[in-house]
Amino acid sequence: MTATDQRFREFKMPDVGEGLTEAEILKWYVAEGDTVADGQVVCEVETAKAAVELPIPYDGVVHELRFGEGTTVDVGTVIIAVDTDPGAGPAEAPAAPAAAEPAAESGEDEGRKAVLVGYGAAPSSTKRRARKAQSGTADANGARAAVQAELNGHAAPEPAPPVSRETPAAPAAAEPVSGGRPLAKPPVRKLAKDLGIDLATVVPSGPDGIITREDVHAAAAPAPTPTSAPEFDVAPAPAVPAPAPEAVAAARETRIPIKGVRKATAQAMVNSAFTAPHVTEFITVDVTRTMKLVQELKQDPDMAGVRVNPLLLVAKAFLVAIKRHPEINAAWDEENQEIVQKDYVNLGIAAATPRGLIVPNIKDAGAKTLPQLAGSLGELVATAREGKTSPADMAGGTVTITNVGVFGVDTGTPILNPGESAILAFGAVKEQPWVHKGKVKPRQVTTLALSFDHRLVDGELGSKVLADTAAILEHPKRLITWG
């Protein structure tokens, strides 16, 4: 390793999850020239699972930020360079490797591995020699190509060397370009295409014969109707095509890139829906006693400092039902053709966040007491709302609960989280007429829905788990007798 390599240290995008290949830089907390210390958080990145803050492992001064905010970077790519000895005076930092340059030809020390993606192709040191014009038409086409290159955002080619014969003058701006491709910016070309306008028929009004948006709109406008009938026959004007429906719709649409949590969720849901045969069962239950218990627990000194809500008791009831029927807490191993029975319950809680749906889970939830479960549930929800859920918190789930009732929804048909066997949907609790002790009375009622993987969960097993969960919520004292 050279002295320059030792001084300028490069930090690569790490794999902050389980085999993730890329991450998006959400925010930089430092700028070039800032002093950083070992362990200091320098940026926040979003993976397919969560937003994660990255600490720098060096002391020094930020020399270069390789990528801006909002850029998706492959794992293993250098994202920041740090000058670890800024007091040593000016020195040239190692240049970023070109994307197509093999690592073996770079001459670098074996300790510095080539990144997965480079930093863009190096600018070419050669220039293409201008082709000598053969005629006046060729010179005009060359001028036209130079103007079009500038319209497209590219550097204009170098002018051709002067020739002995006289070069014809450029066409006037008010006259349509004859021969060759009409001059127009790409957005203007797209507008003309959407409106069905042939640019060769449009009279340009811009400098150097460039067609503007106004020219296209003028060509698309219907011809004015004469106030009086002409005294001589006039050929009918060609019909102006109406704007394409796609162009009209596109003007009122917003396209959002699919990335991060949304992209991962979409892939997971598609894989689950088309891999595991889903079966969903429903049950409506009187939860009046459970709602009364929630109010009593809020006043219990043992529950001080934790949040008590109906979801807590639904989670506890579900865990007790799984304890009574542990066969449902399993996973299907397609590769090894095995059913993996799990002796622990990592209870996932579906959480809606600004970045999309995530499912963190409470590790060993089945072994927790009610106060412990309440504390873990509150911490999980708070972390998810802050966007600080780590990939480890979302790994290893076995079953999940989704609380659709908070949106006023009665129930749903939830899709399994990949690798899990069951998911319980908890609907809204509403006051409804209910037969209670032989009389119709207003009671608090909810609907539960249980989706399960029919490859490993038969209808009987799924029905028993759902029925037991409902029975506990109807008579919460069963938390003691069955728990």
Protein backbone atom coordinates (compact mmCIF):
# COMPACT_ATOMS: atom_id res chain seq x y z
CA MET A 1 0.00 0.00 0.00
CA THR A 2 1.43 3.34 -1.03
CA ALA A 3 1.64 6.38 1.23
CA THR A 4 -1.22 7.96 -0.69
CA ASP A 5 -3.36 4.86 -0.18
CA GLN A 6 -2.62 4.95 3.55
CA ARG A 7 -3.55 8.61 3.76
CA PHE A 8 -6.74 8.59 1.70
CA ARG A 9 -9.03 5.85 2.97
CA GLU A 10 -12.09 4.80 0.99
CA PHE A 11 -15.31 3.58 2.60
CA LYS A 12 -17.48 1.21 0.55
CA MET A 13 -21.20 0.61 0.72
CA PRO A 14 -21.53 -2.33 3.14
CA ASP A 15 -24.07 -5.14 3.08
CA VAL A 16 -26.22 -3.92 5.98
CA GLY A 17 -28.80 -6.67 5.54
CA GLU A 18 -28.91 -10.31 4.59
CA GLY A 19 -27.43 -10.60 1.12
CA LEU A 20 -28.64 -7.21 -0.09
CA THR A 21 -27.06 -5.99 -3.32
CA GLU A 22 -27.78 -2.24 -3.28
CA ALA A 23 -28.88 0.68 -1.14
CA GLU A 24 -30.07 4.23 -1.76
CA ILE A 25 -28.28 7.16 -0.12
CA LEU A 26 -31.06 9.06 1.64
CA LYS A 27 -29.03 11.77 3.37
CA TRP A 28 -25.45 12.86 3.92
CA TYR A 29 -24.67 14.17 7.41
CA VAL A 30 -21.25 15.46 6.34
CA ALA A 31 -19.85 17.51 3.48
CA GLU A 32 -16.46 17.64 1.79
CA GLY A 33 -14.00 19.34 4.15
CA ASP A 34 -15.80 18.29 7.35
CA THR A 35 -13.81 16.62 10.13
CA VAL A 36 -15.02 13.12 11.04
CA ALA A 37 -14.16 10.71 13.83
CA ASP A 38 -14.08 6.93 13.95
CA GLY A 39 -17.62 5.69 14.57
CA GLN A 40 -19.32 8.93 13.50
CA VAL A 41 -22.49 8.51 11.42
CA VAL A 42 -21.88 10.06 8.00
CA CYS A 43 -24.96 9.08 6.04
CA GLU A 44 -28.32 7.32 6.09
CA VAL A 45 -29.11 4.70 3.47
CA GLU A 46 -32.28 2.81 2.64
CA THR A 47 -32.07 -0.84 1.72
CA ALA A 48 -34.84 -3.10 0.54
CA LYS A 49 -35.69 -3.67 4.19
CA ALA A 50 -35.03 -0.58 6.26
CA ALA A 51 -33.25 2.75 6.66
CA VAL A 52 -29.83 2.39 8.27
CA GLU A 53 -27.25 4.92 9.45
CA LEU A 54 -23.65 4.21 8.43
CA PRO A 55 -20.68 5.13 10.67
CA ILE A 56 -17.25 5.88 9.21
CA PRO A 57 -14.37 3.74 10.51
CA TYR A 58 -11.69 6.44 10.10
CA ASP A 59 -10.56 9.71 11.67
CA GLY A 60 -9.80 12.58 9.31
CA VAL A 61 -11.33 15.08 6.90
CA VAL A 62 -13.87 14.23 4.24
CA HIS A 63 -12.06 14.49 0.93
CA GLU A 64 -14.80 13.40 -1.47
CA LEU A 65 -18.43 12.25 -1.51
CA ARG A 66 -18.68 9.96 -4.52
CA PHE A 67 -22.49 9.96 -4.83
CA GLY A 68 -25.28 12.44 -4.14
CA GLU A 69 -28.45 11.96 -2.13
CA GLY A 70 -31.09 9.89 -3.86
CA THR A 71 -28.54 7.73 -5.69
CA THR A 72 -28.83 3.93 -5.57
CA VAL A 73 -25.39 2.40 -5.08
CA ASP A 74 -24.31 -1.24 -5.36
CA VAL A 75 -22.83 -2.94 -2.32
CA GLY A 76 -19.03 -2.80 -2.47
CA THR A 77 -18.88 0.58 -4.24
CA VAL A 78 -16.83 3.38 -2.67
CA ILE A 79 -19.15 6.15 -1.45
CA ILE A 80 -16.78 8.42 0.51
CA ALA A 81 -13.03 9.12 0.73
CA VAL A 82 -11.38 10.42 3.91
CA ASP A 83 -8.01 12.18 4.26
CA THR A 84 -6.60 10.62 7.43
CA ASP A 85 -3.59 12.97 7.56
CA PRO A 86 -4.79 16.42 6.47
CA GLY A 87 -1.87 18.14 8.20
CA ALA A 88 0.64 16.55 5.84
CA GLY A 89 -0.06 19.12 3.15
CA PRO A 90 -1.70 18.83 -0.27
CA ALA A 91 -1.58 15.46 -1.92
CA GLU A 92 -3.35 13.90 -4.85
CA ALA A 93 -6.01 11.45 -3.77
CA PRO A 94 -6.31 8.13 -5.64
CA ALA A 95 -8.62 8.51 -8.61
CA ALA A 96 -11.83 6.54 -8.82
CA PRO A 97 -11.37 3.51 -11.10
CA ALA A 98 -13.12 3.51 -14.44
CA ALA A 99 -16.08 1.18 -14.76
CA ALA A 100 -14.56 -0.91 -17.55
CA GLU A 101 -10.98 -1.03 -16.22
CA PRO A 102 -10.01 -4.49 -14.89
CA ALA A 103 -8.73 -4.54 -11.33
CA ALA A 104 -5.74 -6.60 -12.39
CA GLU A 105 -4.50 -3.79 -14.64
CA SER A 106 -4.85 -1.02 -12.09
CA GLY A 107 -1.58 -1.79 -10.37
CA GLU A 108 -3.17 -1.40 -6.94
CA ASP A 109 -2.23 -3.38 -3.90
CA GLU A 110 -4.13 -6.65 -3.40
CA GLY A 111 -5.59 -5.24 -0.15
CA ARG A 112 -7.76 -2.84 -2.16
CA LYS A 113 -10.42 -4.85 -3.95
CA ALA A 114 -12.17 -3.66 -7.08
CA VAL A 115 -15.64 -2.29 -6.47
CA LEU A 116 -18.68 -3.88 -8.06
CA VAL A 117 -19.51 -0.77 -10.08
CA GLY A 118 -17.08 1.97 -11.13
CA TYR A 119 -17.56 5.69 -11.16
CA GLY A 120 -18.28 6.19 -14.84
CA ALA A 121 -16.13 5.82 -17.90
CA ALA A 122 -13.02 7.99 -17.99
CA PRO A 123 -13.19 10.84 -20.51
CA SER A 124 -11.62 9.92 -23.81
CA SER A 125 -8.30 11.55 -24.58
CA THR A 126 -8.77 11.23 -28.33
CA LYS A 127 -10.92 13.35 -30.57
CA ARG A 128 -12.62 12.23 -33.72
CA ARG A 129 -11.28 14.11 -36.75
CA ALA A 130 -13.95 16.09 -38.48
CA ARG A 131 -15.01 14.52 -41.76
CA LYS A 132 -14.25 16.74 -44.73
CA ALA A 133 -17.35 18.13 -46.39
CA GLN A 134 -17.86 16.94 -49.95
CA SER A 135 -20.56 19.35 -51.06
CA GLY A 136 -22.64 22.30 -49.97
CA THR A 137 -25.36 19.90 -48.86
CA ALA A 138 -22.91 18.00 -46.66
CA ASP A 139 -21.81 21.28 -45.02
CA ALA A 140 -25.41 22.24 -44.34
CA ASN A 141 -26.11 18.81 -42.89
CA GLY A 142 -23.03 19.14 -40.69
CA ALA A 143 -24.22 22.51 -39.37
CA ARG A 144 -27.65 21.03 -38.78
CA ALA A 145 -26.14 18.07 -36.89
CA ALA A 146 -24.10 20.47 -34.73
CA VAL A 147 -27.22 22.40 -33.77
CA GLN A 148 -29.16 19.19 -33.06
CA ALA A 149 -26.28 17.91 -30.90
CA GLU A 150 -26.52 21.03 -28.77
CA LEU A 151 -30.30 20.58 -28.51
CA ASN A 152 -29.78 17.03 -27.26
CA GLY A 153 -27.42 18.26 -24.55
CA HIS A 154 -24.18 17.04 -26.15
CA ALA A 155 -21.13 19.08 -26.98
CA ALA A 156 -21.11 20.32 -30.53
CA PRO A 157 -18.56 18.63 -32.80
CA GLU A 158 -15.46 20.54 -33.76
CA PRO A 159 -15.91 22.66 -36.89
CA ALA A 160 -14.59 21.16 -40.08
CA PRO A 161 -11.44 22.75 -41.55
CA PRO A 162 -12.11 25.51 -44.10
CA VAL A 163 -12.38 24.47 -47.69
CA SER A 164 -11.57 26.42 -50.82
CA ARG A 165 -15.07 26.46 -52.29
CA GLU A 166 -17.73 28.81 -50.97
CA THR A 167 -19.99 27.42 -48.27
CA PRO A 168 -23.71 28.11 -48.76
CA ALA A 169 -25.42 30.25 -46.13
CA ALA A 170 -27.49 28.62 -43.39
CA PRO A 171 -31.25 28.54 -44.03
CA ALA A 172 -33.28 31.43 -42.62
CA ALA A 173 -34.99 30.87 -39.28
CA ALA A 174 -38.43 31.56 -40.65
CA GLU A 175 -38.15 28.95 -43.42
CA PRO A 176 -38.67 25.24 -42.89
CA VAL A 177 -35.55 23.13 -43.13
CA SER A 178 -35.37 21.45 -46.49
CA GLY A 179 -33.69 18.13 -46.64
CA GLY A 180 -32.28 16.26 -43.67
CA ARG A 181 -33.85 15.92 -40.24
CA PRO A 182 -35.81 18.95 -38.88
CA LEU A 183 -34.12 20.65 -35.93
CA ALA A 184 -35.97 20.33 -32.59
CA LYS A 185 -35.27 19.50 -28.97
CA PRO A 186 -36.20 15.98 -27.77
CA PRO A 187 -39.19 17.26 -25.71
CA VAL A 188 -40.48 19.09 -28.78
CA ARG A 189 -40.09 15.92 -30.86
CA LYS A 190 -42.06 13.96 -28.26
CA LEU A 191 -44.79 16.61 -28.22
CA ALA A 192 -45.04 16.45 -32.00
CA LYS A 193 -45.22 12.66 -31.87
CA ASP A 194 -47.95 12.74 -29.23
CA LEU A 195 -49.96 15.28 -31.27
CA GLY A 196 -49.41 13.41 -34.52
CA ILE A 197 -47.53 16.28 -36.18
CA ASP A 198 -44.89 15.66 -38.86
CA LEU A 199 -42.00 17.99 -38.02
CA ALA A 200 -41.08 18.21 -41.71
CA THR A 201 -44.31 20.16 -42.26
CA VAL A 202 -43.73 22.64 -39.42
CA VAL A 203 -42.38 26.13 -40.12
CA PRO A 204 -39.65 26.86 -37.53
CA SER A 205 -39.51 30.17 -35.72
CA GLY A 206 -36.49 29.59 -33.49
CA PRO A 207 -32.89 30.60 -34.18
CA ASP A 208 -30.99 28.53 -36.74
CA GLY A 209 -34.24 27.03 -37.98
CA ILE A 210 -35.11 25.31 -34.69
CA ILE A 211 -38.71 24.16 -34.23
CA THR A 212 -40.19 25.29 -30.89
CA ARG A 213 -43.12 24.01 -28.85
CA GLU A 214 -45.16 27.00 -30.05
CA ASP A 215 -44.50 25.99 -33.64
CA VAL A 216 -45.84 22.49 -32.96
CA HIS A 217 -48.92 23.80 -31.18
CA ALA A 218 -49.51 26.22 -34.04
CA ALA A 219 -49.31 23.35 -36.53
CA ALA A 220 -51.74 21.31 -34.43
CA ALA A 221 -54.28 24.13 -34.08
CA PRO A 222 -57.30 23.86 -36.41
CA ALA A 223 -57.39 26.24 -39.35
CA PRO A 224 -59.54 29.37 -38.72
CA THR A 225 -63.02 29.29 -40.23
CA PRO A 226 -63.50 32.01 -42.91
CA THR A 227 -66.15 34.63 -42.10
CA SER A 228 -67.52 34.63 -45.64
CA ALA A 229 -67.64 32.01 -48.32
CA PRO A 230 -64.82 32.36 -50.86
CA GLU A 231 -65.67 33.28 -54.41
CA PHE A 232 -63.54 30.48 -55.76
CA ASP A 233 -63.09 26.80 -55.01
CA VAL A 234 -60.58 25.98 -52.30
CA ALA A 235 -59.17 22.55 -51.70
CA PRO A 236 -60.20 21.20 -48.27
CA ALA A 237 -57.50 21.48 -45.62
CA PRO A 238 -56.15 18.19 -44.26
CA ALA A 239 -57.76 17.09 -41.00
CA VAL A 240 -55.64 17.80 -37.93
CA PRO A 241 -55.32 14.62 -35.84
CA ALA A 242 -56.63 14.88 -32.29
CA PRO A 243 -54.12 14.56 -29.45
CA ALA A 244 -53.37 10.96 -28.60
CA PRO A 245 -55.27 9.72 -25.50
CA GLU A 246 -51.98 8.59 -24.01
CA ALA A 247 -50.59 12.14 -24.20
CA VAL A 248 -53.66 13.59 -22.50
CA ALA A 249 -53.53 11.00 -19.72
CA ALA A 250 -49.77 11.41 -19.20
CA ALA A 251 -50.20 15.10 -18.45
CA ARG A 252 -52.27 14.19 -15.38
CA GLU A 253 -50.15 11.32 -14.12
CA THR A 254 -47.18 11.17 -11.77
CA ARG A 255 -44.61 8.39 -12.09
CA ILE A 256 -42.85 7.28 -8.91
CA PRO A 257 -39.75 5.06 -9.12
CA ILE A 258 -40.21 1.66 -7.48
CA LYS A 259 -37.35 1.18 -5.03
CA GLY A 260 -36.40 0.54 -1.42
CA VAL A 261 -39.04 -0.90 0.89
CA ARG A 262 -41.81 -0.63 -1.71
CA LYS A 263 -39.81 -2.67 -4.22
CA ALA A 264 -38.95 -5.34 -1.65
CA THR A 265 -42.54 -5.54 -0.41
CA ALA A 266 -43.87 -5.95 -3.94
CA GLN A 267 -41.44 -8.75 -4.71
CA ALA A 268 -42.19 -10.51 -1.42
CA MET A 269 -45.96 -10.31 -1.85
CA VAL A 270 -45.83 -11.60 -5.43
CA ASN A 271 -43.54 -14.47 -4.43
CA SER A 272 -45.78 -15.38 -1.49
CA ALA A 273 -49.08 -15.10 -3.35
CA PHE A 274 -47.90 -17.28 -6.23
CA THR A 275 -45.86 -19.77 -4.18
CA ALA A 276 -47.87 -20.60 -1.04
CA PRO A 277 -51.48 -21.73 -1.60
CA HIS A 278 -53.41 -19.31 0.64
CA VAL A 279 -56.56 -20.20 2.53
CA THR A 280 -58.37 -17.52 4.56
CA GLU A 281 -61.01 -18.20 7.22
CA PHE A 282 -63.14 -15.67 9.10
CA ILE A 283 -64.86 -15.49 12.46
CA THR A 284 -66.91 -12.75 14.12
CA VAL A 285 -66.66 -12.55 17.90
CA ASP A 286 -68.02 -10.57 20.83
CA VAL A 287 -65.02 -8.86 22.46
CA THR A 288 -66.90 -6.80 25.02
CA ARG A 289 -65.15 -8.52 27.95
CA THR A 290 -61.75 -8.04 26.32
CA MET A 291 -62.39 -4.31 25.86
CA LYS A 292 -63.33 -4.04 29.53
CA LEU A 293 -60.12 -5.87 30.46
CA VAL A 294 -58.11 -3.38 28.41
CA GLN A 295 -59.51 -0.53 30.50
CA GLU A 296 -58.77 -2.38 33.75
CA LEU A 297 -55.18 -3.16 32.72
CA LYS A 298 -54.54 0.50 31.99
CA GLN A 299 -55.10 1.14 35.71
CA ASP A 300 -52.98 -1.83 36.83
CA PRO A 301 -49.70 -0.79 38.53
CA ASP A 302 -47.93 -3.75 36.90
CA MET A 303 -48.69 -2.28 33.48
CA ALA A 304 -47.46 1.22 34.32
CA GLY A 305 -45.17 2.70 31.69
CA VAL A 306 -46.37 0.46 28.84
CA ARG A 307 -49.15 0.95 26.34
CA VAL A 308 -52.21 -1.26 26.77
CA ASN A 309 -54.55 -1.58 23.79
CA PRO A 310 -56.76 -4.24 22.17
CA LEU A 311 -53.92 -5.32 19.85
CA LEU A 312 -51.92 -6.41 22.90
CA LEU A 313 -54.61 -8.85 24.01
CA VAL A 314 -55.18 -10.06 20.46
CA ALA A 315 -51.45 -10.83 20.23
CA LYS A 316 -51.51 -12.66 23.55
CA ALA A 317 -54.61 -14.65 22.55
CA PHE A 318 -52.97 -15.62 19.24
CA LEU A 319 -49.81 -16.75 21.06
CA VAL A 320 -51.84 -18.92 23.46
CA ALA A 321 -53.70 -20.49 20.52
CA ILE A 322 -50.36 -21.27 18.83
CA LYS A 323 -49.13 -22.83 22.07
CA ARG A 324 -52.18 -25.11 22.03
CA HIS A 325 -51.58 -25.99 18.36
CA PRO A 326 -47.80 -25.67 17.77
CA GLU A 327 -47.97 -27.43 14.38
CA ILE A 328 -49.07 -24.16 12.78
CA ASN A 329 -45.79 -22.50 13.77
CA ALA A 330 -43.77 -24.00 10.92
CA ALA A 331 -42.24 -23.26 7.54
CA TRP A 332 -42.12 -25.01 4.17
CA ASP A 333 -38.59 -25.82 2.93
CA GLU A 334 -39.04 -26.36 -0.79
CA GLU A 335 -35.37 -27.05 -1.53
CA ASN A 336 -35.00 -29.83 1.03
CA GLN A 337 -38.64 -30.95 0.84
CA GLU A 338 -39.09 -30.60 4.59
CA ILE A 339 -41.52 -28.95 6.99
CA VAL A 340 -39.52 -27.00 9.57
CA GLN A 341 -41.29 -27.08 12.94
CA LYS A 342 -40.27 -24.14 15.14
CA ASP A 343 -40.22 -24.27 18.93
CA TYR A 344 -40.12 -20.49 19.24
CA VAL A 345 -42.56 -17.81 18.10
CA ASN A 346 -41.23 -14.61 16.54
CA LEU A 347 -44.42 -12.58 16.27
CA GLY A 348 -44.46 -10.14 13.36
CA ILE A 349 -46.51 -6.95 13.50
CA ALA A 350 -47.30 -5.38 10.12
CA ALA A 351 -46.54 -1.66 10.34
CA ALA A 352 -47.34 1.07 7.82
CA THR A 353 -44.49 3.58 7.56
CA PRO A 354 -43.80 6.54 5.25
CA ARG A 355 -41.44 4.28 3.29
CA GLY A 356 -43.99 1.49 2.93
CA LEU A 357 -45.11 -1.67 4.70
CA ILE A 358 -42.61 -3.41 6.97
CA VAL A 359 -43.04 -6.39 9.29
CA PRO A 360 -40.67 -6.28 12.29
CA ASN A 361 -41.09 -9.08 14.77
CA ILE A 362 -40.90 -9.63 18.51
CA LYS A 363 -38.34 -12.32 19.18
CA ASP A 364 -39.50 -15.21 21.44
CA ALA A 365 -42.85 -13.51 21.90
CA GLY A 366 -44.44 -16.72 23.17
CA ALA A 367 -42.13 -16.75 26.21
CA LYS A 368 -42.93 -13.18 27.31
CA THR A 369 -45.29 -12.12 30.08
CA LEU A 370 -48.06 -9.66 29.29
CA PRO A 371 -46.08 -6.63 30.59
CA GLN A 372 -43.00 -7.77 28.65
CA LEU A 373 -45.05 -8.27 25.50
CA ALA A 374 -46.59 -4.81 25.91
CA GLY A 375 -43.15 -3.23 26.27
CA SER A 376 -41.78 -5.03 23.21
CA LEU A 377 -44.83 -4.12 21.17
CA GLY A 378 -44.59 -0.44 22.09
CA GLU A 379 -40.88 -0.32 21.29
CA LEU A 380 -41.43 -2.06 17.95
CA VAL A 381 -44.14 0.38 16.87
CA ALA A 382 -42.17 3.46 17.98
CA THR A 383 -39.04 2.32 16.13
CA ALA A 384 -41.02 1.62 12.97
CA ARG A 385 -42.66 5.05 13.01
CA GLU A 386 -39.26 6.70 13.33
CA GLY A 387 -37.97 4.71 10.38
CA LYS A 388 -35.22 3.16 12.50
CA THR A 389 -36.20 -0.51 12.21
CA SER A 390 -33.08 -2.58 11.52
CA PRO A 391 -32.96 -5.52 9.09
CA ALA A 392 -32.34 -7.85 12.04
CA ASP A 393 -35.67 -6.79 13.56
CA MET A 394 -37.46 -7.95 10.41
CA ALA A 395 -35.66 -11.27 10.01
CA GLY A 396 -36.77 -14.65 11.30
CA GLY A 397 -40.50 -14.08 11.76
CA THR A 398 -42.74 -17.13 12.14
CA VAL A 399 -46.32 -15.71 12.26
CA THR A 400 -47.74 -12.21 11.82
CA ILE A 401 -50.63 -9.99 12.94
CA THR A 402 -51.95 -7.15 10.79
CA ASN A 403 -54.22 -4.63 12.51
CA VAL A 404 -56.50 -3.41 9.72
CA GLY A 405 -59.04 -2.26 12.30
CA VAL A 406 -57.14 0.98 12.92
CA PHE A 407 -58.30 2.08 9.45
CA GLY A 408 -61.94 1.29 10.22
CA VAL A 409 -61.86 -1.87 8.11
CA ASP A 410 -63.88 -4.89 9.24
CA THR A 411 -61.43 -7.51 7.95
CA GLY A 412 -59.38 -8.61 4.93
CA THR A 413 -57.59 -11.52 3.28
CA PRO A 414 -53.96 -10.91 4.29
CA ILE A 415 -51.05 -12.31 2.29
CA LEU A 416 -48.49 -14.38 4.14
CA ASN A 417 -45.11 -12.89 4.93
CA PRO A 418 -42.61 -15.03 2.96
CA GLY A 419 -41.32 -17.97 5.00
CA GLU A 420 -44.21 -17.86 7.47
CA SER A 421 -47.20 -20.16 7.82
CA ALA A 422 -49.98 -17.90 9.15
CA ILE A 423 -51.10 -14.29 9.41
CA LEU A 424 -54.00 -12.98 11.51
CA ALA A 425 -56.00 -9.89 10.50
CA PHE A 426 -57.63 -7.97 13.37
CA GLY A 427 -60.62 -5.90 12.22
CA ALA A 428 -62.31 -2.85 13.66
CA VAL A 429 -64.18 -3.20 16.98
CA LYS A 430 -67.72 -1.86 16.54
CA GLU A 431 -70.81 -1.74 18.69
CA GLN A 432 -73.42 -4.04 17.14
CA PRO A 433 -76.62 -5.80 18.16
CA TRP A 434 -75.67 -9.22 19.52
CA VAL A 435 -77.51 -12.04 21.21
CA HIS A 436 -76.14 -12.13 24.74
CA LYS A 437 -77.67 -14.41 27.39
CA GLY A 438 -80.77 -14.89 25.30
CA LYS A 439 -81.37 -11.19 24.64
CA VAL A 440 -80.34 -8.84 21.86
CA LYS A 441 -78.03 -6.25 23.33
CA PRO A 442 -75.47 -3.79 21.99
CA ARG A 443 -72.06 -5.48 22.22
CA GLN A 444 -68.56 -4.70 20.97
CA VAL A 445 -67.85 -7.01 18.07
CA THR A 446 -64.92 -7.62 15.75
CA THR A 447 -64.02 -9.95 12.87
CA LEU A 448 -60.82 -11.96 12.70
CA ALA A 449 -59.36 -13.45 9.51
CA LEU A 450 -56.62 -16.09 9.43
CA SER A 451 -54.67 -16.82 6.24
CA PHE A 452 -52.43 -19.87 6.27
CA ASP A 453 -50.20 -21.90 3.95
CA HIS A 454 -52.32 -24.87 2.90
CA ARG A 455 -49.23 -26.91 2.03
CA LEU A 456 -48.48 -27.45 5.70
CA VAL A 457 -51.61 -26.23 7.51
CA ASP A 458 -54.76 -28.25 6.95
CA GLY A 459 -58.20 -26.70 7.26
CA GLU A 460 -58.76 -28.39 10.62
CA LEU A 461 -55.58 -27.00 12.15
CA GLY A 462 -56.17 -23.49 10.81
CA SER A 463 -59.77 -23.54 12.05
CA LYS A 464 -58.75 -24.61 15.55
CA VAL A 465 -56.18 -21.82 15.85
CA LEU A 466 -58.67 -19.20 14.69
CA ALA A 467 -61.47 -20.55 16.89
CA ASP A 468 -59.23 -20.64 19.98
CA THR A 469 -58.05 -17.07 19.37
CA ALA A 470 -61.67 -15.91 19.15
CA ALA A 471 -62.68 -17.92 22.23
CA ILE A 472 -59.98 -16.23 24.31
CA LEU A 473 -61.06 -12.77 23.17
CA GLU A 474 -64.67 -13.59 24.01
CA HIS A 475 -63.71 -14.88 27.46
CA PRO A 476 -60.27 -13.41 28.30
CA LYS A 477 -60.06 -15.41 31.52
CA ARG A 478 -58.95 -18.26 29.22
CA LEU A 479 -55.61 -16.47 29.05
CA ILE A 480 -55.14 -17.91 32.52
CA THR A 481 -56.83 -21.29 32.16
CA TRP A 482 -55.31 -22.05 28.73
CA GLY A 483 -52.07 -20.08 29.07
